Protein backbone atom coordinates (compact mmCIF):
# COMPACT_ATOMS: atom_id res chain seq x y z
CA MET A 1 -50.88 -26.79 15.11
CA ARG A 2 -48.56 -28.45 12.67
CA HIS A 3 -47.81 -25.11 11.20
CA THR A 4 -46.79 -23.84 14.48
CA LEU A 5 -44.54 -26.73 15.26
CA ALA A 6 -42.98 -26.51 11.72
CA GLN A 7 -42.30 -22.86 12.49
CA TYR A 8 -40.87 -23.47 15.78
CA ARG A 9 -38.68 -26.08 14.57
CA SER A 10 -37.37 -23.74 11.96
CA PHE A 11 -35.66 -21.58 14.63
CA PRO A 12 -32.19 -22.06 16.23
CA ARG A 13 -32.07 -24.09 19.42
CA SER A 14 -31.54 -20.89 21.49
CA VAL A 15 -34.97 -19.20 20.06
CA GLN A 16 -36.70 -22.61 20.63
CA LEU A 17 -35.54 -22.40 24.34
CA LEU A 18 -36.60 -19.01 24.63
CA LEU A 19 -39.99 -19.87 23.51
CA LEU A 20 -40.51 -22.62 25.73
CA ASN A 21 -39.12 -20.69 28.71
CA GLN A 22 -41.63 -17.86 28.07
CA LEU A 23 -44.49 -20.50 27.92
CA THR A 24 -43.14 -21.97 31.14
CA ILE A 25 -42.84 -18.50 32.77
CA ASN A 26 -46.38 -17.73 32.09
CA ILE A 27 -47.72 -21.12 33.31
CA GLY A 28 -45.93 -20.56 36.48
CA PHE A 29 -46.95 -16.89 36.79
CA TYR A 30 -50.78 -17.45 35.92
CA MET A 31 -51.24 -20.51 38.06
CA LEU A 32 -50.56 -18.40 41.10
CA ILE A 33 -51.16 -14.44 40.53
CA PRO A 34 -54.99 -14.83 39.59
CA TYR A 35 -55.81 -16.44 43.09
CA LEU A 36 -53.53 -14.17 45.16
CA ALA A 37 -56.06 -11.55 45.94
CA ALA A 38 -58.47 -14.05 47.33
CA HIS A 39 -55.73 -15.69 49.42
CA LEU A 40 -54.78 -12.41 51.00
CA SER A 41 -58.32 -11.10 51.49
CA VAL A 42 -60.02 -14.35 52.46
CA GLY A 43 -57.30 -16.62 53.29
CA LEU A 44 -55.34 -14.11 55.59
CA GLY A 45 -58.19 -11.62 56.12
CA LEU A 46 -56.10 -8.70 55.06
CA ALA A 47 -58.04 -5.33 54.65
CA THR A 48 -58.81 -4.52 51.13
CA TRP A 49 -56.44 -1.56 51.23
CA MET A 50 -53.50 -3.92 52.50
CA VAL A 51 -54.36 -6.44 49.64
CA GLY A 52 -54.12 -3.35 47.01
CA LEU A 53 -50.91 -2.52 48.70
CA VAL A 54 -49.33 -6.03 48.12
CA LEU A 55 -50.51 -6.14 44.53
CA GLY A 56 -49.53 -2.61 43.79
CA VAL A 57 -45.95 -3.31 45.07
CA ARG A 58 -45.68 -6.06 42.66
CA ASN A 59 -46.69 -4.09 39.86
CA PHE A 60 -44.58 -1.08 40.64
CA ALA A 61 -41.67 -3.40 41.06
CA GLN A 62 -42.07 -4.75 37.72
CA GLN A 63 -43.12 -1.79 35.55
CA GLY A 64 -41.07 0.71 37.42
CA MET A 65 -37.82 -1.22 37.16
CA PHE A 66 -38.14 -2.45 33.42
CA LEU A 67 -35.37 0.15 32.48
CA LEU A 68 -33.11 -0.66 35.01
CA GLY A 69 -33.45 -4.57 33.95
CA GLY A 70 -33.06 -3.77 30.36
CA SER A 71 -29.85 -1.55 30.93
CA LEU A 72 -28.48 -4.50 33.12
CA ALA A 73 -29.00 -6.98 30.49
CA ASP A 74 -27.27 -4.88 27.80
CA ARG A 75 -24.29 -4.42 30.35
CA TYR A 76 -23.80 -7.82 31.59
CA GLY A 77 -25.45 -10.14 29.19
CA PHE A 78 -29.01 -11.56 28.46
CA LYS A 79 -28.54 -14.92 30.13
CA PRO A 80 -27.43 -13.84 33.52
CA LEU A 81 -30.47 -11.39 33.79
CA ILE A 82 -32.75 -14.17 32.65
CA VAL A 83 -31.40 -16.66 35.21
CA ALA A 84 -31.33 -13.98 38.00
CA GLY A 85 -35.12 -13.12 37.35
CA CYS A 86 -36.14 -16.74 37.59
CA THR A 87 -34.52 -17.34 40.76
CA LEU A 88 -35.77 -14.37 42.26
CA ARG A 89 -39.36 -15.27 41.26
CA THR A 90 -38.70 -18.81 42.81
CA VAL A 91 -37.90 -17.06 46.21
CA GLY A 92 -40.69 -14.58 45.69
CA PHE A 93 -43.30 -17.20 45.02
CA ALA A 94 -42.27 -19.47 47.67
CA LEU A 95 -42.43 -16.76 50.22
CA LEU A 96 -46.02 -15.91 49.25
CA GLY A 97 -47.27 -19.15 50.13
CA PHE A 98 -45.62 -19.61 53.43
CA VAL A 99 -45.54 -16.07 55.14
CA ASP A 100 -48.57 -14.15 56.56
CA SER A 101 -47.10 -10.75 57.94
CA VAL A 102 -47.56 -7.84 55.77
CA PRO A 103 -43.84 -6.81 55.67
CA ALA A 104 -42.93 -10.22 54.55
CA LEU A 105 -45.67 -10.40 51.84
CA VAL A 106 -44.81 -6.91 50.58
CA VAL A 107 -41.06 -8.08 50.31
CA ALA A 108 -42.14 -11.45 48.53
CA SER A 109 -44.39 -9.43 46.03
CA ALA A 110 -41.77 -7.02 45.33
CA ALA A 111 -39.38 -9.74 44.37
CA THR A 112 -41.79 -11.40 42.04
CA GLY A 113 -42.38 -7.99 40.39
CA PHE A 114 -38.68 -7.13 40.07
CA ALA A 115 -37.82 -10.44 38.86
CA GLY A 116 -40.13 -9.82 35.80
CA ALA A 117 -38.13 -6.52 35.29
CA LEU A 118 -35.10 -8.39 35.17
CA PHE A 119 -35.74 -11.23 32.59
CA ASN A 120 -38.74 -9.74 30.44
CA PRO A 121 -36.34 -7.19 28.47
CA ALA A 122 -33.48 -9.68 28.61
CA VAL A 123 -35.75 -12.43 26.77
CA ARG A 124 -36.96 -9.91 24.11
CA ALA A 125 -33.56 -8.56 23.27
CA TYR A 126 -32.33 -12.21 23.24
CA LEU A 127 -34.93 -13.40 20.94
CA ALA A 128 -34.64 -10.39 18.61
CA GLN A 129 -30.70 -11.08 18.15
CA ASP A 130 -30.94 -14.64 17.58
CA SER A 131 -33.81 -14.62 15.38
CA GLY A 132 -31.92 -12.13 12.96
CA GLU A 133 -34.08 -11.16 9.92
CA ARG A 134 -36.91 -13.47 11.20
CA ARG A 135 -37.42 -11.65 14.07
CA VAL A 136 -41.08 -10.69 13.12
CA GLU A 137 -41.84 -14.34 12.93
CA ALA A 138 -40.07 -15.25 16.24
CA PHE A 139 -42.05 -12.52 18.05
CA ALA A 140 -45.44 -13.76 16.36
CA LEU A 141 -44.59 -17.37 17.78
CA PHE A 142 -43.42 -15.84 21.01
CA ASN A 143 -47.11 -14.44 21.20
CA VAL A 144 -48.49 -17.80 20.69
CA PHE A 145 -46.61 -19.33 23.45
CA TYR A 146 -47.22 -16.44 25.67
CA GLN A 147 -50.96 -16.86 25.43
CA ALA A 148 -50.88 -20.67 25.62
CA GLY A 149 -49.10 -20.08 29.02
CA ILE A 150 -52.05 -17.72 30.04
CA LEU A 151 -54.71 -20.28 28.99
CA LEU A 152 -53.06 -23.14 30.80
CA GLY A 153 -51.66 -21.36 33.91
CA PRO A 154 -55.18 -20.45 35.58
CA LEU A 155 -56.55 -24.04 34.98
CA ILE A 156 -53.68 -25.53 36.58
CA GLY A 157 -53.68 -22.83 39.51
CA LEU A 158 -57.40 -23.72 39.93
CA VAL A 159 -57.06 -27.24 40.74
CA LEU A 160 -53.82 -26.82 42.97
CA THR A 161 -55.61 -23.82 44.71
CA GLY A 162 -58.74 -26.23 45.52
CA VAL A 163 -56.50 -28.29 47.59
CA ASN A 164 -54.29 -25.56 49.16
CA PHE A 165 -52.94 -22.03 48.20
CA SER A 166 -49.49 -23.00 49.68
CA LEU A 167 -49.25 -25.88 47.27
CA THR A 168 -49.84 -23.48 44.37
CA CYS A 169 -47.00 -21.39 45.43
CA ALA A 170 -44.78 -24.31 46.09
CA VAL A 171 -45.52 -25.69 42.57
CA ALA A 172 -45.04 -22.36 41.03
CA ALA A 173 -41.87 -21.62 42.75
CA GLY A 174 -40.87 -25.33 41.56
CA VAL A 175 -41.57 -24.51 38.08
CA PHE A 176 -39.25 -21.26 38.30
CA ALA A 177 -36.56 -23.42 40.11
CA VAL A 178 -36.47 -25.92 37.32
CA LEU A 179 -36.51 -23.29 34.71
CA THR A 180 -33.52 -21.62 36.45
CA VAL A 181 -31.35 -24.84 36.37
CA MET A 182 -32.51 -25.55 32.86
CA GLN A 183 -31.33 -22.08 31.62
CA ILE A 184 -28.11 -22.27 33.32
CA ARG A 185 -27.25 -25.53 31.58
CA ALA A 186 -28.73 -25.08 28.23
CA LEU A 187 -29.34 -21.60 27.47
CA PRO A 188 -26.17 -20.04 25.63
CA GLN A 189 -24.59 -16.88 26.64
CA ARG A 190 -25.54 -13.87 24.84
CA SER A 191 -24.35 -10.38 25.35
CA ALA A 192 -25.23 -6.82 23.45
CA PRO A 193 -23.55 -6.88 20.16
CA HIS A 194 -21.54 -3.69 20.66
CA GLU A 195 -18.96 -3.49 23.46
CA ALA A 196 -19.44 0.25 23.48
CA ASP A 197 -22.88 -0.40 24.70
CA ARG A 198 -21.62 -1.62 28.00
CA GLY A 199 -21.07 1.91 29.63
CA SER A 200 -22.62 3.51 32.85
CA LEU A 201 -26.22 3.09 33.36
CA LEU A 202 -26.69 6.78 33.04
CA THR A 203 -25.02 6.73 29.48
CA GLN A 204 -27.28 3.91 28.31
CA TRP A 205 -30.13 5.85 29.71
CA ARG A 206 -29.19 9.12 27.92
CA VAL A 207 -28.54 7.32 24.67
CA VAL A 208 -32.17 5.75 24.57
CA ALA A 209 -33.68 8.91 25.84
CA THR A 210 -32.35 10.99 23.22
CA ASN A 211 -33.51 8.43 20.59
CA ARG A 212 -36.18 10.95 19.23
CA PRO A 213 -37.89 8.44 16.72
CA PHE A 214 -38.03 5.65 19.49
CA VAL A 215 -39.46 8.01 22.13
CA LEU A 216 -42.12 9.40 19.78
CA PHE A 217 -42.97 5.71 18.68
CA ALA A 218 -43.19 4.63 22.47
CA LEU A 219 -45.67 7.50 23.23
CA ALA A 220 -47.83 6.59 20.10
CA MET A 221 -47.96 3.00 21.10
CA ILE A 222 -49.31 3.69 24.58
CA GLY A 223 -52.90 3.44 23.73
CA SER A 224 -52.34 -0.09 22.42
CA TYR A 225 -51.68 -1.14 25.94
CA VAL A 226 -54.60 0.88 27.53
CA LEU A 227 -56.73 -0.67 24.85
CA SER A 228 -55.66 -4.39 25.29
CA PHE A 229 -55.60 -4.18 29.16
CA GLN A 230 -59.26 -3.63 29.10
CA VAL A 231 -59.62 -7.43 29.39
CA TYR A 232 -58.59 -7.03 32.86
CA LEU A 233 -60.55 -3.85 33.67
CA ALA A 234 -63.51 -2.69 31.49
CA LEU A 235 -64.52 -6.19 30.13
CA PRO A 236 -64.87 -8.00 33.66
CA LEU A 237 -66.67 -4.93 35.06
CA GLN A 238 -69.12 -5.05 32.12
CA ALA A 239 -69.42 -8.68 32.58
CA HIS A 240 -70.79 -7.91 36.09
CA ALA A 241 -73.07 -5.14 34.85
CA VAL A 242 -74.89 -7.12 32.21
CA ALA A 243 -75.04 -10.70 33.75
CA THR A 244 -77.99 -11.77 35.55
CA SER A 245 -75.91 -13.33 38.65
CA ASP A 246 -72.54 -13.50 39.90
CA LEU A 247 -71.99 -17.09 38.55
CA VAL A 248 -72.86 -16.10 35.04
CA ALA A 249 -70.36 -13.10 35.13
CA THR A 250 -67.62 -15.09 36.40
CA GLY A 251 -68.48 -17.69 33.63
CA ALA A 252 -68.37 -14.62 31.07
CA VAL A 253 -65.04 -13.47 32.28
CA ALA A 254 -63.48 -16.72 31.95
CA ALA A 255 -64.86 -17.02 28.63
CA VAL A 256 -63.47 -13.78 27.63
CA PHE A 257 -59.78 -15.01 28.70
CA ALA A 258 -60.33 -18.28 26.75
CA VAL A 259 -61.50 -16.56 23.45
CA SER A 260 -58.71 -14.04 23.75
CA GLY A 261 -56.01 -16.79 24.03
CA LEU A 262 -57.60 -18.95 21.49
CA VAL A 263 -57.88 -16.44 18.78
CA THR A 264 -54.24 -15.71 19.32
CA ILE A 265 -53.05 -19.24 19.24
CA ALA A 266 -55.15 -20.15 16.37
CA GLY A 267 -54.38 -16.98 14.19
CA GLN A 268 -51.25 -15.41 14.97
CA LEU A 269 -48.96 -16.72 12.51
CA ARG A 270 -51.45 -16.35 9.65
CA VAL A 271 -52.35 -12.90 10.76
CA THR A 272 -48.60 -11.78 10.72
CA ALA A 273 -47.78 -13.56 7.48
CA TRP A 274 -50.76 -12.02 5.51
CA CYS A 275 -50.19 -8.38 7.06
CA ARG A 276 -46.69 -8.36 6.43
CA HIS A 277 -47.32 -9.54 2.88
CA ARG A 278 -50.09 -7.05 2.41
CA TRP A 279 -49.02 -3.90 4.30
CA GLY A 280 -45.71 -4.07 6.04
CA ALA A 281 -44.72 -3.17 9.44
CA SER A 282 -46.12 0.46 10.00
CA ARG A 283 -49.19 -0.06 7.98
CA SER A 284 -50.07 -2.98 9.67
CA MET A 285 -49.52 -1.30 13.28
CA SER A 286 -51.89 1.47 12.12
CA VAL A 287 -54.41 -1.18 11.07
CA GLY A 288 -54.01 -3.01 14.46
CA LEU A 289 -54.43 -0.09 16.32
CA LEU A 290 -57.68 0.88 14.62
CA THR A 291 -58.64 -2.92 15.28
CA LEU A 292 -58.09 -2.41 18.79
CA GLY A 293 -60.19 0.75 19.00
CA GLY A 294 -62.86 -0.95 16.74
CA ALA A 295 -63.24 -3.68 19.21
CA PHE A 296 -65.20 -1.53 21.40
CA VAL A 297 -67.69 -1.05 18.68
CA PRO A 298 -69.94 -3.94 19.82
CA LEU A 299 -70.34 -2.62 23.24
CA LEU A 300 -71.12 0.81 21.88
CA ALA A 301 -73.83 -0.78 19.87
CA VAL A 302 -75.35 -2.78 22.66
CA GLU A 303 -76.13 0.41 24.36
CA VAL A 304 -78.45 1.30 21.54
CA VAL A 305 -80.33 -2.00 21.47
CA PRO A 306 -83.73 -1.75 22.96
CA LEU A 307 -83.59 -4.44 25.48
CA GLU A 308 -85.05 -4.67 29.08
CA PRO A 309 -81.88 -4.03 31.63
CA GLY A 310 -81.60 -7.37 33.69
CA SER A 311 -83.32 -9.66 31.27
CA THR A 312 -82.12 -12.81 29.98
CA GLY A 313 -82.32 -11.42 26.47
CA SER A 314 -80.28 -8.47 27.51
CA ALA A 315 -77.57 -10.60 29.50
CA VAL A 316 -77.29 -12.88 26.24
CA VAL A 317 -76.68 -9.90 23.83
CA GLY A 318 -74.37 -8.28 26.53
CA ILE A 319 -72.25 -11.27 27.00
CA GLY A 320 -72.13 -11.92 23.31
CA ALA A 321 -70.78 -8.40 22.58
CA LEU A 322 -68.14 -8.80 25.29
CA LEU A 323 -67.16 -12.08 23.87
CA LEU A 324 -66.81 -10.36 20.26
CA THR A 325 -64.99 -7.47 21.86
CA ALA A 326 -62.36 -9.91 23.40
CA ALA A 327 -61.84 -11.59 20.11
CA ILE A 328 -61.42 -8.39 18.17
CA LEU A 329 -58.86 -7.11 20.78
CA ALA A 330 -57.10 -10.22 20.48
CA LEU A 331 -56.85 -9.95 16.51
CA GLY A 332 -55.68 -6.23 16.87
CA THR A 333 -52.86 -7.20 19.41
CA ALA A 334 -52.02 -10.21 17.06
CA ILE A 335 -51.76 -7.65 14.16
CA VAL A 336 -49.71 -5.13 16.11
CA PHE A 337 -47.29 -7.07 18.45
CA PRO A 338 -44.73 -8.74 16.36
CA PHE A 339 -44.21 -5.64 14.19
CA GLU A 340 -44.16 -3.49 17.25
CA MET A 341 -41.49 -5.66 18.90
CA SER A 342 -39.36 -5.65 15.66
CA THR A 343 -39.71 -1.88 15.36
CA ILE A 344 -37.98 -1.25 18.61
CA VAL A 345 -35.21 -3.01 17.50
CA ALA A 346 -34.87 -1.14 14.15
CA LEU A 347 -35.34 2.03 15.98
CA ALA A 348 -32.61 0.97 18.33
CA ASP A 349 -30.29 0.37 15.31
CA ASP A 350 -29.49 -3.05 17.14
CA ARG A 351 -27.72 -1.13 20.05
CA LEU A 352 -29.03 -1.18 23.64
CA VAL A 353 -31.81 -3.30 22.66
CA ALA A 354 -32.83 -4.54 26.01
CA THR A 355 -32.35 -0.93 27.28
CA HIS A 356 -34.83 0.28 24.69
CA TYR A 357 -37.15 -2.48 25.80
CA GLY A 358 -36.88 -1.71 29.32
CA LEU A 359 -37.72 2.13 28.60
CA TYR A 360 -40.66 1.08 26.12
CA ASN A 361 -42.19 -1.20 28.87
CA THR A 362 -41.87 1.49 31.60
CA VAL A 363 -43.49 4.25 29.48
CA CYS A 364 -46.35 1.76 28.51
CA GLY A 365 -46.60 0.86 32.03
CA VAL A 366 -47.18 4.43 33.21
CA GLY A 367 -49.69 4.63 30.14
CA ILE A 368 -51.62 1.82 31.55
CA LEU A 369 -51.82 3.40 35.03
CA LEU A 370 -53.22 6.52 33.65
CA GLY A 371 -55.35 4.59 31.13
CA ASN A 372 -57.00 2.68 33.92
CA LEU A 373 -57.56 5.80 35.83
CA GLY A 374 -59.19 7.52 33.04
CA THR A 375 -61.22 4.31 32.00
CA GLY A 376 -62.23 3.94 35.71
CA TRP A 377 -63.48 7.78 35.63
CA ALA A 378 -65.40 7.21 32.39
CA LEU A 379 -67.26 4.18 33.78
CA ASP A 380 -67.99 6.14 37.11
CA VAL A 381 -69.30 9.05 35.12
CA ALA A 382 -71.28 6.76 32.54
CA GLY A 383 -73.18 4.94 35.57
CA ALA A 384 -73.73 8.39 37.52
CA ARG A 385 -74.92 10.33 34.63
CA GLY A 386 -76.54 7.84 32.55
CA LEU A 387 -73.98 8.13 29.55
CA ALA A 388 -73.49 4.40 28.97
CA PRO A 389 -71.67 5.04 25.52
CA LEU A 390 -69.21 7.29 27.07
CA PRO A 391 -66.37 4.57 28.00
CA TRP A 392 -66.51 2.81 24.71
CA LEU A 393 -66.52 6.13 22.59
CA VAL A 394 -63.14 7.17 24.54
CA LEU A 395 -61.59 3.86 23.91
CA ILE A 396 -62.56 3.89 20.15
CA GLY A 397 -61.02 7.41 20.07
CA ILE A 398 -57.80 6.30 21.54
CA GLY A 399 -57.46 3.50 18.98
CA ALA A 400 -58.07 6.03 16.13
CA MET A 401 -55.60 8.72 17.71
CA CYS A 402 -52.74 6.15 18.12
CA ALA A 403 -53.23 4.77 14.53
CA LEU A 404 -52.90 8.50 13.42
CA ALA A 405 -49.87 9.01 15.49
CA VAL A 406 -48.09 5.95 13.97
CA HIS A 407 -49.24 6.99 10.57
CA ARG A 408 -47.59 10.31 11.05
CA LEU A 409 -44.59 8.98 12.34
CA ARG A 410 -44.15 6.77 9.14
CA MET A 411 -45.27 9.82 6.79
CA ARG A 412 -42.27 11.82 8.56
CA ASN A 413 -39.97 8.93 7.73
CA LEU A 414 -39.39 8.60 11.67
CA LEU A 415 -40.23 4.76 11.20
CA PRO A 416 -38.05 2.40 9.46
CA LEU A 417 -39.77 1.28 6.05
CA ASP A 418 -39.10 -2.41 6.82
CA ALA A 419 -38.52 -3.35 10.62
CA GLU A 420 -36.75 -6.75 9.28
CA ARG A 421 -33.92 -5.07 7.24
CA THR A 422 -30.53 -6.23 7.62
CA PRO A 423 -28.18 -4.39 10.19
CA ALA A 424 -26.11 -3.36 7.22
CA ALA A 425 -28.84 -1.81 5.48
CA ARG A 426 -30.40 -0.22 8.67
CA SER A 427 -26.84 1.48 9.50
CA SER A 428 -26.94 3.33 6.30
CA ARG A 429 -29.94 5.27 7.54
CA ARG A 430 -29.41 8.08 10.05
CA LEU A 431 -32.52 8.43 12.31
CA ARG A 432 -33.57 11.91 12.90
């Protein structure tokens, strides 16, 4: 913890504010979102398809609009988009707690999603710009604060929702309202470093879409998001499959998230420093992708252990494998994330960085959607045909293929040798 605080204090004030903002953003978001589905279905009595609609609109409004949000940040500056996003989320969260008609809920859900599309690319571009040559360290610290918010938010939300869901929404909206005021007053104005980048949106999109190394990198990295997202899909489903009761399954899912967050908070900075010293950026990403795929080996191994299904021993072994998978997934993400974020800046050559982040997030969001469909299909096939190892073999294969793709990009000189080079050094290299 002292090392983390020392790292935090070593950065400029603007970076410190961005890190605290991200912590608070995640606390406010995760104190509400995990309990929204239950509120809609149980509290308001909506049909399951309506619950899916409301939640789906939020996800689409965020993932589908990242490119627009990033482009607006490059055009109008990072601070206005961060402030606008927090303001919109304040309104959206307030509405979620006090409206009960489906149209109003859809509007509120869309507002909360679009808010994320506004501030997420702007925050990352701002952080990359102000951390300069230390951006890998900055993004490592960013992930620590990010995970800390994911850990704390649901705990606070659990207490508040136990009183009333409307109270949870009011507090979450209040958090974002305070954030909005603080950022207006304390966050310095930052704009894209090149005036020429503030052209039309179509021009910005064309520049980014024709950046071949960046597009290839984005496609190669889709698998990392498919794999890490299994904390929300495959692991909870597996917890219910191996647990002896719903209560045990719920506890196992909570433990999965706790392990994931604690591994990141405790190890992120050391992991990043060690990997950068030993391998550098692109090799570290390949190793991280292999680690993400390898995280599912414990679940694969459990399928060959001769234990009686439904027994206490089977549940203990199955839950142990789940927790080990969660820990390795967190380690793989810790390896990949800082170098991944820095590599995007290097591939962008420090121009239209927020737009690059926006397109990157959109591509990965589509990948998550398709990956979830594929994972769900594999789980269904495994259950129907007695092919229990199938989903885990598929996920392990995804990690291996993505690691190979990043390695091949590096061997073809389509990735920067050092994602932390100075802008002057990067400008001397013409990306192909």
